[in-house]
Amino acid sequence: MTMGVELLWKPLLEAAAQTIVGAIGGYAFSEALQRVTRQNSFDGAMDLWRRGLHENVVGDGDQIVFDGLISPYAQLFPSDPMENATRWNQLYQFEGKISNEEYQAIEFFAGSDAALRIGSLNGETLVGLYARYGFVGEGLVGVVPTKLLLRAIPHFFHPSFFGVRARVRGRLARCPAQHGFVAQGIARKSGIEIDISHYKNIPYLQINRVSPARRAQDRVSSLLGSAWAVTDKEAEQYLVQYGYMSEPAELRQCNARILDSRAWKKARIFYDEISSPSPDLSFRRAFIS
């Protein structure tokens, strides 16, 4: 992969990959490691973030029960969704100059809803945890043993599968994250200040049980987010389409618009490993394997 220093998506994606590797590598499940001092139930990711984490109802090592959507689409840049608006507003509240390339990079990062589907890594699978009617920008990352996941949801890696409502149990843990620091470095050159205090250790869930909803009426759900690709065309490095991943026709249209873009011939990474037009566009191959 040949890229110039002006292609600022490379350090952002490298940092995102380090976060994924940290979460996967940090997964260790045994009965001896579990603190079942408190069992808390949460209705979707935002309930866990707001009531659980912000109100200090749960902390590291606690077992939680999560009712919401478990999806193969995880956040590319996991972060506290309570800070989404502040981070986005900072793009418009600064004095100074910013290049087109820098602005593209910060806008891509600040959007918070870029999805990533990469499948299984070393026997573990990165998943996204959302509300039943979910938004990628308001999620939590989870890690689950692939064998356990496929016993509960055999079709989890099918190309058309976006997720299912489930009752998920797991242990709350943290992994280090670097993408906030990279984005802050890019922003500071242009006079934009991004608060990254919550990026140092990202909460995630080490999942040890998945129980999908059984009744058809209980399984109804949706997922909204952004499909994307990055290119080495300086003026158009980020190809992003916003839509419902839970609606097959809409998702196909989002992907088609990316592939039909004038910059697509210079594409380097595509967000979805399972439906990627080419293995050469693999996020995992470029930044993890």
C-alpha atoms as a PDB file:
ATOM      1  CA  MET A   1       0.000   0.000   0.000  1.00  0.00           C
ATOM      2  CA  THR A   2       1.563   3.272  -1.107  1.00  0.00           C
ATOM      3  CA  MET A   3       0.377   6.352   0.764  1.00  0.00           C
ATOM      4  CA  GLY A   4       1.674   9.878   1.206  1.00  0.00           C
ATOM      5  CA  VAL A   5       1.984  11.612   4.561  1.00  0.00           C
ATOM      6  CA  GLU A   6      -1.081  13.731   3.719  1.00  0.00           C
ATOM      7  CA  LEU A   7      -3.310  10.643   3.904  1.00  0.00           C
ATOM      8  CA  LEU A   8      -4.325  11.199   7.499  1.00  0.00           C
ATOM      9  CA  TRP A   9      -6.723   8.265   7.595  1.00  0.00           C
ATOM     10  CA  LYS A  10      -3.807   5.858   7.870  1.00  0.00           C
ATOM     11  CA  PRO A  11      -2.756   6.760  11.459  1.00  0.00           C
ATOM     12  CA  LEU A  12      -6.432   6.976  12.464  1.00  0.00           C
ATOM     13  CA  LEU A  13      -7.153   3.468  11.199  1.00  0.00           C
ATOM     14  CA  GLU A  14      -3.907   2.110  12.636  1.00  0.00           C
ATOM     15  CA  ALA A  15      -4.936   3.468  16.037  1.00  0.00           C
ATOM     16  CA  ALA A  16      -8.429   1.991  15.680  1.00  0.00           C
ATOM     17  CA  ALA A  17      -6.858  -1.383  14.907  1.00  0.00           C
ATOM     18  CA  GLN A  18      -4.718  -1.172  18.065  1.00  0.00           C
ATOM     19  CA  THR A  19      -7.888  -0.660  20.094  1.00  0.00           C
ATOM     20  CA  ILE A  20      -9.443  -3.761  18.525  1.00  0.00           C
ATOM     21  CA  VAL A  21      -6.317  -5.832  19.164  1.00  0.00           C
ATOM     22  CA  GLY A  22      -6.254  -4.579  22.759  1.00  0.00           C
ATOM     23  CA  ALA A  23      -9.844  -5.625  23.337  1.00  0.00           C
ATOM     24  CA  ILE A  24      -9.389  -9.027  21.684  1.00  0.00           C
ATOM     25  CA  GLY A  25      -6.116  -9.641  23.482  1.00  0.00           C
ATOM     26  CA  GLY A  26      -7.593  -8.577  26.812  1.00  0.00           C
ATOM     27  CA  TYR A  27     -10.388 -11.120  26.715  1.00  0.00           C
ATOM     28  CA  ALA A  28      -9.936 -13.724  29.420  1.00  0.00           C
ATOM     29  CA  PHE A  29     -12.979 -15.617  30.635  1.00  0.00           C
ATOM     30  CA  SER A  30     -12.986 -18.021  33.535  1.00  0.00           C
ATOM     31  CA  GLU A  31     -15.166 -18.399  36.597  1.00  0.00           C
ATOM     32  CA  ALA A  32     -12.251 -17.335  38.790  1.00  0.00           C
ATOM     33  CA  LEU A  33     -11.990 -13.964  37.066  1.00  0.00           C
ATOM     34  CA  GLN A  34     -15.614 -12.991  37.521  1.00  0.00           C
ATOM     35  CA  ARG A  35     -16.794 -10.631  40.208  1.00  0.00           C
ATOM     36  CA  VAL A  36     -20.476 -11.336  40.595  1.00  0.00           C
ATOM     37  CA  THR A  37     -20.792  -8.834  43.414  1.00  0.00           C
ATOM     38  CA  ARG A  38     -23.424  -6.873  41.516  1.00  0.00           C
ATOM     39  CA  GLN A  39     -25.587  -7.920  38.601  1.00  0.00           C
ATOM     40  CA  ASN A  40     -27.104  -5.015  36.733  1.00  0.00           C
ATOM     41  CA  SER A  41     -29.504  -4.987  33.815  1.00  0.00           C
ATOM     42  CA  PHE A  42     -29.438  -2.321  31.103  1.00  0.00           C
ATOM     43  CA  ASP A  43     -31.772  -1.520  28.257  1.00  0.00           C
ATOM     44  CA  GLY A  44     -29.414  -0.878  25.347  1.00  0.00           C
ATOM     45  CA  ALA A  45     -26.042   0.820  25.128  1.00  0.00           C
ATOM     46  CA  MET A  46     -27.146   4.350  26.013  1.00  0.00           C
ATOM     47  CA  ASP A  47     -28.729   3.094  29.248  1.00  0.00           C
ATOM     48  CA  LEU A  48     -25.425   1.435  30.119  1.00  0.00           C
ATOM     49  CA  TRP A  49     -23.422   4.555  29.242  1.00  0.00           C
ATOM     50  CA  ARG A  50     -25.680   7.070  30.997  1.00  0.00           C
ATOM     51  CA  ARG A  51     -27.106   5.252  33.993  1.00  0.00           C
ATOM     52  CA  GLY A  52     -24.435   2.608  34.378  1.00  0.00           C
ATOM     53  CA  LEU A  53     -21.133   4.360  33.654  1.00  0.00           C
ATOM     54  CA  HIS A  54     -21.873   8.053  34.145  1.00  0.00           C
ATOM     55  CA  GLU A  55     -23.767   7.414  37.395  1.00  0.00           C
ATOM     56  CA  ASN A  56     -21.116   4.921  38.585  1.00  0.00           C
ATOM     57  CA  VAL A  57     -23.688   2.162  38.989  1.00  0.00           C
ATOM     58  CA  VAL A  58     -21.199  -0.306  37.476  1.00  0.00           C
ATOM     59  CA  GLY A  59     -17.439  -0.410  37.293  1.00  0.00           C
ATOM     60  CA  ASP A  60     -14.601  -2.486  35.919  1.00  0.00           C
ATOM     61  CA  GLY A  61     -15.015  -6.178  36.583  1.00  0.00           C
ATOM     62  CA  ASP A  62     -18.741  -6.047  37.240  1.00  0.00           C
ATOM     63  CA  GLN A  63     -21.073  -8.487  35.549  1.00  0.00           C
ATOM     64  CA  ILE A  64     -23.879  -6.862  33.607  1.00  0.00           C
ATOM     65  CA  VAL A  65     -26.917  -8.034  31.678  1.00  0.00           C
ATOM     66  CA  PHE A  66     -27.569  -6.147  28.460  1.00  0.00           C
ATOM     67  CA  ASP A  67     -30.826  -6.214  26.500  1.00  0.00           C
ATOM     68  CA  GLY A  68     -30.410  -4.805  23.012  1.00  0.00           C
ATOM     69  CA  LEU A  69     -28.999  -5.425  19.573  1.00  0.00           C
ATOM     70  CA  ILE A  70     -25.859  -7.527  19.109  1.00  0.00           C
ATOM     71  CA  SER A  71     -24.378  -6.880  15.671  1.00  0.00           C
ATOM     72  CA  PRO A  72     -21.377  -7.874  13.527  1.00  0.00           C
ATOM     73  CA  TYR A  73     -21.049  -4.136  12.789  1.00  0.00           C
ATOM     74  CA  ALA A  74     -18.966  -2.465  15.503  1.00  0.00           C
ATOM     75  CA  GLN A  75     -17.828   1.148  15.840  1.00  0.00           C
ATOM     76  CA  LEU A  76     -14.635   2.023  14.011  1.00  0.00           C
ATOM     77  CA  PHE A  77     -13.825   4.695  16.616  1.00  0.00           C
ATOM     78  CA  PRO A  78     -15.456   3.550  19.881  1.00  0.00           C
ATOM     79  CA  SER A  79     -16.060   6.378  22.341  1.00  0.00           C
ATOM     80  CA  ASP A  80     -18.481   7.775  24.894  1.00  0.00           C
ATOM     81  CA  PRO A  81     -21.644   8.671  22.928  1.00  0.00           C
ATOM     82  CA  MET A  82     -22.528  11.316  25.521  1.00  0.00           C
ATOM     83  CA  GLU A  83     -19.693  13.365  23.975  1.00  0.00           C
ATOM     84  CA  ASN A  84     -20.787  13.028  20.356  1.00  0.00           C
ATOM     85  CA  ALA A  85     -22.417  16.453  20.084  1.00  0.00           C
ATOM     86  CA  THR A  86     -19.528  18.267  21.767  1.00  0.00           C
ATOM     87  CA  ARG A  87     -17.001  16.583  19.501  1.00  0.00           C
ATOM     88  CA  TRP A  88     -18.998  17.418  16.387  1.00  0.00           C
ATOM     89  CA  ASN A  89     -19.575  21.065  17.406  1.00  0.00           C
ATOM     90  CA  GLN A  90     -15.849  21.561  17.864  1.00  0.00           C
ATOM     91  CA  LEU A  91     -15.467  21.251  14.105  1.00  0.00           C
ATOM     92  CA  TYR A  92     -17.224  24.597  13.720  1.00  0.00           C
ATOM     93  CA  GLN A  93     -15.897  26.431  16.772  1.00  0.00           C
ATOM     94  CA  PHE A  94     -12.280  27.188  16.109  1.00  0.00           C
ATOM     95  CA  GLU A  95     -10.123  30.025  14.883  1.00  0.00           C
ATOM     96  CA  GLY A  96      -7.402  29.332  12.399  1.00  0.00           C
ATOM     97  CA  LYS A  97      -6.893  27.571   9.111  1.00  0.00           C
ATOM     98  CA  ILE A  98      -7.426  23.965   8.245  1.00  0.00           C
ATOM     99  CA  SER A  99      -6.587  22.126   5.071  1.00  0.00           C
ATOM    100  CA  ASN A 100      -9.138  20.099   3.179  1.00  0.00           C
ATOM    101  CA  GLU A 101      -7.243  16.909   4.028  1.00  0.00           C
ATOM    102  CA  GLU A 102      -7.164  17.729   7.762  1.00  0.00           C
ATOM    103  CA  TYR A 103     -10.830  18.664   7.830  1.00  0.00           C
ATOM    104  CA  GLN A 104     -11.814  15.445   6.067  1.00  0.00           C
ATOM    105  CA  ALA A 105      -9.913  13.408   8.650  1.00  0.00           C
ATOM    106  CA  ILE A 106     -11.395  15.172  11.676  1.00  0.00           C
ATOM    107  CA  GLU A 107     -14.902  15.104  10.219  1.00  0.00           C
ATOM    108  CA  PHE A 108     -14.591  11.360   9.584  1.00  0.00           C
ATOM    109  CA  PHE A 109     -13.446  10.787  13.163  1.00  0.00           C
ATOM    110  CA  ALA A 110     -15.966  13.122  14.793  1.00  0.00           C
ATOM    111  CA  GLY A 111     -18.898  11.563  12.952  1.00  0.00           C
ATOM    112  CA  SER A 112     -18.653   8.617  15.405  1.00  0.00           C
ATOM    113  CA  ASP A 113     -20.983   6.324  13.399  1.00  0.00           C
ATOM    114  CA  ALA A 114     -18.558   4.675  10.949  1.00  0.00           C
ATOM    115  CA  ALA A 115     -19.221   0.928  11.078  1.00  0.00           C
ATOM    116  CA  LEU A 116     -16.685  -1.898  10.786  1.00  0.00           C
ATOM    117  CA  ARG A 117     -17.376  -5.600  10.152  1.00  0.00           C
ATOM    118  CA  ILE A 118     -14.263  -7.769  10.317  1.00  0.00           C
ATOM    119  CA  GLY A 119     -15.399 -11.209  11.461  1.00  0.00           C
ATOM    120  CA  SER A 120     -13.470 -13.496  13.813  1.00  0.00           C
ATOM    121  CA  LEU A 121      -9.926 -12.835  15.052  1.00  0.00           C
ATOM    122  CA  ASN A 122      -7.934 -15.553  16.821  1.00  0.00           C
ATOM    123  CA  GLY A 123     -11.057 -17.287  18.030  1.00  0.00           C
ATOM    124  CA  GLU A 124     -12.746 -14.101  19.263  1.00  0.00           C
ATOM    125  CA  THR A 125     -15.247 -11.845  17.527  1.00  0.00           C
ATOM    126  CA  LEU A 126     -15.608  -8.093  17.829  1.00  0.00           C
ATOM    127  CA  VAL A 127     -19.280  -7.098  18.018  1.00  0.00           C
ATOM    128  CA  GLY A 128     -21.304  -3.938  18.347  1.00  0.00           C
ATOM    129  CA  LEU A 129     -23.856  -3.583  21.150  1.00  0.00           C
ATOM    130  CA  TYR A 130     -26.689  -1.111  20.608  1.00  0.00           C
ATOM    131  CA  ALA A 131     -30.237  -0.263  21.531  1.00  0.00           C
ATOM    132  CA  ARG A 132     -32.877  -2.471  19.964  1.00  0.00           C
ATOM    133  CA  TYR A 133     -33.392   0.256  17.346  1.00  0.00           C
ATOM    134  CA  GLY A 134     -29.732   1.095  17.231  1.00  0.00           C
ATOM    135  CA  PHE A 135     -27.377   3.772  15.964  1.00  0.00           C
ATOM    136  CA  VAL A 136     -23.709   2.901  15.450  1.00  0.00           C
ATOM    137  CA  GLY A 137     -22.669   6.217  17.019  1.00  0.00           C
ATOM    138  CA  GLU A 138     -24.374   5.252  20.279  1.00  0.00           C
ATOM    139  CA  GLY A 139     -22.933   1.830  20.909  1.00  0.00           C
ATOM    140  CA  LEU A 140     -20.521  -0.202  22.958  1.00  0.00           C
ATOM    141  CA  VAL A 141     -17.894  -2.651  21.709  1.00  0.00           C
ATOM    142  CA  GLY A 142     -18.052  -6.245  22.855  1.00  0.00           C
ATOM    143  CA  VAL A 143     -15.766  -9.270  22.477  1.00  0.00           C
ATOM    144  CA  VAL A 144     -17.129 -12.817  22.491  1.00  0.00           C
ATOM    145  CA  PRO A 145     -15.577 -16.250  21.838  1.00  0.00           C
ATOM    146  CA  THR A 146     -16.511 -17.124  18.264  1.00  0.00           C
ATOM    147  CA  LYS A 147     -17.613 -20.672  19.128  1.00  0.00           C
ATOM    148  CA  LEU A 148     -19.936 -19.388  21.839  1.00  0.00           C
ATOM    149  CA  LEU A 149     -21.333 -16.761  19.466  1.00  0.00           C
ATOM    150  CA  LEU A 150     -22.009 -19.222  16.647  1.00  0.00           C
ATOM    151  CA  ARG A 151     -23.718 -21.665  18.984  1.00  0.00           C
ATOM    152  CA  ALA A 152     -26.163 -18.898  19.882  1.00  0.00           C
ATOM    153  CA  ILE A 153     -26.394 -17.271  16.426  1.00  0.00           C
ATOM    154  CA  PRO A 154     -25.200 -19.722  13.704  1.00  0.00           C
ATOM    155  CA  HIS A 155     -25.735 -17.223  10.873  1.00  0.00           C
ATOM    156  CA  PHE A 156     -23.841 -14.355  12.538  1.00  0.00           C
ATOM    157  CA  PHE A 157     -21.339 -14.094   9.657  1.00  0.00           C
ATOM    158  CA  HIS A 158     -23.878 -14.346   6.847  1.00  0.00           C
ATOM    159  CA  PRO A 159     -23.443 -11.352   4.493  1.00  0.00           C
ATOM    160  CA  SER A 160     -27.026 -10.161   4.981  1.00  0.00           C
ATOM    161  CA  PHE A 161     -27.042 -10.439   8.781  1.00  0.00           C
ATOM    162  CA  PHE A 162     -26.985  -7.087  10.588  1.00  0.00           C
ATOM    163  CA  GLY A 163     -27.760  -8.219  14.118  1.00  0.00           C
ATOM    164  CA  VAL A 164     -30.422  -9.559  16.422  1.00  0.00           C
ATOM    165  CA  ARG A 165     -32.024  -8.466  19.635  1.00  0.00           C
ATOM    166  CA  ALA A 166     -30.575 -10.535  22.461  1.00  0.00           C
ATOM    167  CA  ARG A 167     -29.973 -10.726  26.166  1.00  0.00           C
ATOM    168  CA  VAL A 168     -26.222 -10.566  26.619  1.00  0.00           C
ATOM    169  CA  ARG A 169     -24.259 -11.152  29.787  1.00  0.00           C
ATOM    170  CA  GLY A 170     -20.663 -10.142  30.280  1.00  0.00           C
ATOM    171  CA  ARG A 171     -17.943  -8.560  32.328  1.00  0.00           C
ATOM    172  CA  LEU A 172     -17.205  -4.858  31.986  1.00  0.00           C
ATOM    173  CA  ALA A 173     -13.533  -4.208  31.159  1.00  0.00           C
ATOM    174  CA  ARG A 174     -11.375  -1.508  29.578  1.00  0.00           C
ATOM    175  CA  CYS A 175      -8.805  -1.398  26.822  1.00  0.00           C
ATOM    176  CA  PRO A 176      -6.403   1.404  25.846  1.00  0.00           C
ATOM    177  CA  ALA A 177      -7.312   3.495  22.810  1.00  0.00           C
ATOM    178  CA  GLN A 178      -5.075   5.647  20.633  1.00  0.00           C
ATOM    179  CA  HIS A 179      -7.417   7.015  17.947  1.00  0.00           C
ATOM    180  CA  GLY A 180      -8.406   9.966  20.109  1.00  0.00           C
ATOM    181  CA  PHE A 181      -4.776  11.006  20.504  1.00  0.00           C
ATOM    182  CA  VAL A 182      -4.179  10.784  16.761  1.00  0.00           C
ATOM    183  CA  ALA A 183      -7.252  12.890  16.022  1.00  0.00           C
ATOM    184  CA  GLN A 184      -6.228  15.414  18.663  1.00  0.00           C
ATOM    185  CA  GLY A 185      -2.800  15.768  17.047  1.00  0.00           C
ATOM    186  CA  ILE A 186      -4.356  16.432  13.637  1.00  0.00           C
ATOM    187  CA  ALA A 187      -6.845  18.907  15.095  1.00  0.00           C
ATOM    188  CA  ARG A 188      -4.327  20.885  17.138  1.00  0.00           C
ATOM    189  CA  LYS A 189      -2.332  21.746  14.038  1.00  0.00           C
ATOM    190  CA  SER A 190      -5.410  23.630  12.868  1.00  0.00           C
ATOM    191  CA  GLY A 191      -6.344  25.229  16.165  1.00  0.00           C
ATOM    192  CA  ILE A 192      -9.131  22.767  17.038  1.00  0.00           C
ATOM    193  CA  GLU A 193      -9.145  21.433  20.582  1.00  0.00           C
ATOM    194  CA  ILE A 194     -10.591  17.942  21.069  1.00  0.00           C
ATOM    195  CA  ASP A 195     -11.052  16.621  24.592  1.00  0.00           C
ATOM    196  CA  ILE A 196      -9.673  13.088  24.607  1.00  0.00           C
ATOM    197  CA  SER A 197      -9.752  12.460  28.351  1.00  0.00           C
ATOM    198  CA  HIS A 198     -12.292   9.653  27.847  1.00  0.00           C
ATOM    199  CA  TYR A 199     -10.263   7.914  25.145  1.00  0.00           C
ATOM    200  CA  LYS A 200      -7.443   6.678  27.338  1.00  0.00           C
ATOM    201  CA  ASN A 201      -9.372   3.590  28.404  1.00  0.00           C
ATOM    202  CA  ILE A 202     -12.449   2.571  26.438  1.00  0.00           C
ATOM    203  CA  PRO A 203     -15.075   0.437  28.238  1.00  0.00           C
ATOM    204  CA  TYR A 204     -16.063  -2.756  26.463  1.00  0.00           C
ATOM    205  CA  LEU A 205     -17.912  -5.929  27.344  1.00  0.00           C
ATOM    206  CA  GLN A 206     -16.259  -9.340  27.662  1.00  0.00           C
ATOM    207  CA  ILE A 207     -19.283 -11.433  26.723  1.00  0.00           C
ATOM    208  CA  ASN A 208     -19.854 -14.889  28.203  1.00  0.00           C
ATOM    209  CA  ARG A 209     -23.497 -15.521  27.333  1.00  0.00           C
ATOM    210  CA  VAL A 210     -25.737 -14.625  24.380  1.00  0.00           C
ATOM    211  CA  SER A 211     -29.457 -15.438  24.371  1.00  0.00           C
ATOM    212  CA  PRO A 212     -31.245 -14.228  21.215  1.00  0.00           C
ATOM    213  CA  ALA A 213     -34.901 -13.234  21.439  1.00  0.00           C
ATOM    214  CA  ARG A 214     -37.095 -16.091  20.228  1.00  0.00           C
ATOM    215  CA  ARG A 215     -40.489 -14.606  19.440  1.00  0.00           C
ATOM    216  CA  ALA A 216     -40.803 -12.807  16.109  1.00  0.00           C
ATOM    217  CA  GLN A 217     -42.299  -9.703  17.713  1.00  0.00           C
ATOM    218  CA  ASP A 218     -39.384  -9.472  20.142  1.00  0.00           C
ATOM    219  CA  ARG A 219     -36.768  -9.810  17.415  1.00  0.00           C
ATOM    220  CA  VAL A 220     -37.830  -6.710  15.456  1.00  0.00           C
ATOM    221  CA  SER A 221     -34.894  -4.251  15.423  1.00  0.00           C
ATOM    222  CA  SER A 222     -32.881  -1.910  13.212  1.00  0.00           C
ATOM    223  CA  LEU A 223     -29.397  -0.418  12.867  1.00  0.00           C
ATOM    224  CA  LEU A 224     -28.460   2.985  11.459  1.00  0.00           C
ATOM    225  CA  GLY A 225     -24.870   3.974  10.668  1.00  0.00           C
ATOM    226  CA  SER A 226     -22.321   4.850   8.016  1.00  0.00           C
ATOM    227  CA  ALA A 227     -20.757   2.657   5.364  1.00  0.00           C
ATOM    228  CA  TRP A 228     -17.362   3.941   4.235  1.00  0.00           C
ATOM    229  CA  ALA A 229     -14.159   3.446   2.302  1.00  0.00           C
ATOM    230  CA  VAL A 230     -10.885   5.358   2.241  1.00  0.00           C
ATOM    231  CA  THR A 231      -8.816   6.183  -0.828  1.00  0.00           C
ATOM    232  CA  ASP A 232      -5.429   7.621  -1.698  1.00  0.00           C
ATOM    233  CA  LYS A 233      -7.038  10.398  -3.741  1.00  0.00           C
ATOM    234  CA  GLU A 234      -6.025  13.469  -1.759  1.00  0.00           C
ATOM    235  CA  ALA A 235      -9.116  15.548  -2.525  1.00  0.00           C
ATOM    236  CA  GLU A 236     -11.572  12.712  -1.815  1.00  0.00           C
ATOM    237  CA  GLN A 237     -10.066  10.407   0.766  1.00  0.00           C
ATOM    238  CA  TYR A 238     -13.283   9.468   2.568  1.00  0.00           C
ATOM    239  CA  LEU A 239     -16.265   7.909   0.813  1.00  0.00           C
ATOM    240  CA  VAL A 240     -19.107   7.811   3.334  1.00  0.00           C
ATOM    241  CA  GLN A 241     -22.770   6.834   2.984  1.00  0.00           C
ATOM    242  CA  TYR A 242     -25.330   7.100   5.783  1.00  0.00           C
ATOM    243  CA  GLY A 243     -28.128   4.573   5.968  1.00  0.00           C
ATOM    244  CA  TYR A 244     -29.849   1.635   7.610  1.00  0.00           C
ATOM    245  CA  MET A 245     -27.708  -1.484   7.631  1.00  0.00           C
ATOM    246  CA  SER A 246     -30.808  -3.380   8.664  1.00  0.00           C
ATOM    247  CA  GLU A 247     -32.520  -2.582   5.344  1.00  0.00           C
ATOM    248  CA  PRO A 248     -30.905  -4.743   2.625  1.00  0.00           C
ATOM    249  CA  ALA A 249     -31.950  -2.553  -0.314  1.00  0.00           C
ATOM    250  CA  GLU A 250     -30.784   0.626   1.426  1.00  0.00           C
ATOM    251  CA  LEU A 251     -27.449  -0.892   2.394  1.00  0.00           C
ATOM    252  CA  ARG A 252     -26.881  -2.135  -1.162  1.00  0.00           C
ATOM    253  CA  GLN A 253     -27.562   1.383  -2.398  1.00  0.00           C
ATOM    254  CA  CYS A 254     -25.094   2.872   0.096  1.00  0.00           C
ATOM    255  CA  ASN A 255     -22.411   0.422  -0.984  1.00  0.00           C
ATOM    256  CA  ALA A 256     -23.189   1.018  -4.679  1.00  0.00           C
ATOM    257  CA  ARG A 257     -22.738   4.763  -4.261  1.00  0.00           C
ATOM    258  CA  ILE A 258     -19.322   4.167  -2.738  1.00  0.00           C
ATOM    259  CA  LEU A 259     -18.296   1.809  -5.524  1.00  0.00           C
ATOM    260  CA  ASP A 260     -19.621   4.199  -8.183  1.00  0.00           C
ATOM    261  CA  SER A 261     -17.660   7.152  -6.813  1.00  0.00           C
ATOM    262  CA  ARG A 262     -15.005   8.693  -9.059  1.00  0.00           C
ATOM    263  CA  ALA A 263     -12.449   8.063  -6.313  1.00  0.00           C
ATOM    264  CA  TRP A 264     -13.264   4.363  -5.953  1.00  0.00           C
ATOM    265  CA  LYS A 265     -10.517   3.282  -8.335  1.00  0.00           C
ATOM    266  CA  LYS A 266      -8.066   4.549  -5.711  1.00  0.00           C
ATOM    267  CA  ALA A 267      -9.837   2.851  -2.789  1.00  0.00           C
ATOM    268  CA  ARG A 268      -7.578   1.248  -0.192  1.00  0.00           C
ATOM    269  CA  ILE A 269      -9.860   0.083   2.651  1.00  0.00           C
ATOM    270  CA  PHE A 270     -13.526  -0.965   2.629  1.00  0.00           C
ATOM    271  CA  TYR A 271     -15.428  -1.119   5.904  1.00  0.00           C
ATOM    272  CA  ASP A 272     -16.990  -4.573   5.484  1.00  0.00           C
ATOM    273  CA  GLU A 273     -14.756  -7.639   5.326  1.00  0.00           C
ATOM    274  CA  ILE A 274     -17.651  -9.986   4.534  1.00  0.00           C
ATOM    275  CA  SER A 275     -19.064  -8.141   1.522  1.00  0.00           C
ATOM    276  CA  SER A 276     -15.872  -6.444   0.355  1.00  0.00           C
ATOM    277  CA  PRO A 277     -15.420  -6.255  -3.445  1.00  0.00           C
ATOM    278  CA  SER A 278     -11.806  -7.375  -3.015  1.00  0.00           C
ATOM    279  CA  PRO A 279      -9.644  -8.973  -0.283  1.00  0.00           C
ATOM    280  CA  ASP A 280      -7.052  -6.296  -1.077  1.00  0.00           C
ATOM    281  CA  LEU A 281      -9.368  -3.756   0.631  1.00  0.00           C
ATOM    282  CA  SER A 282      -9.300  -5.597   3.944  1.00  0.00           C
ATOM    283  CA  PHE A 283      -8.967  -3.518   7.137  1.00  0.00           C
ATOM    284  CA  ARG A 284      -7.742  -6.614   8.959  1.00  0.00           C
ATOM    285  CA  ARG A 285      -5.083  -7.421   6.365  1.00  0.00           C
ATOM    286  CA  ALA A 286      -3.805  -3.839   6.303  1.00  0.00           C
ATOM    287  CA  PHE A 287      -3.751  -3.081  10.027  1.00  0.00           C
ATOM    288  CA  ILE A 288      -4.105  -6.255  12.118  1.00  0.00           C
ATOM    289  CA  SER A 289      -2.831  -9.415  10.382  1.00  0.00           C
END
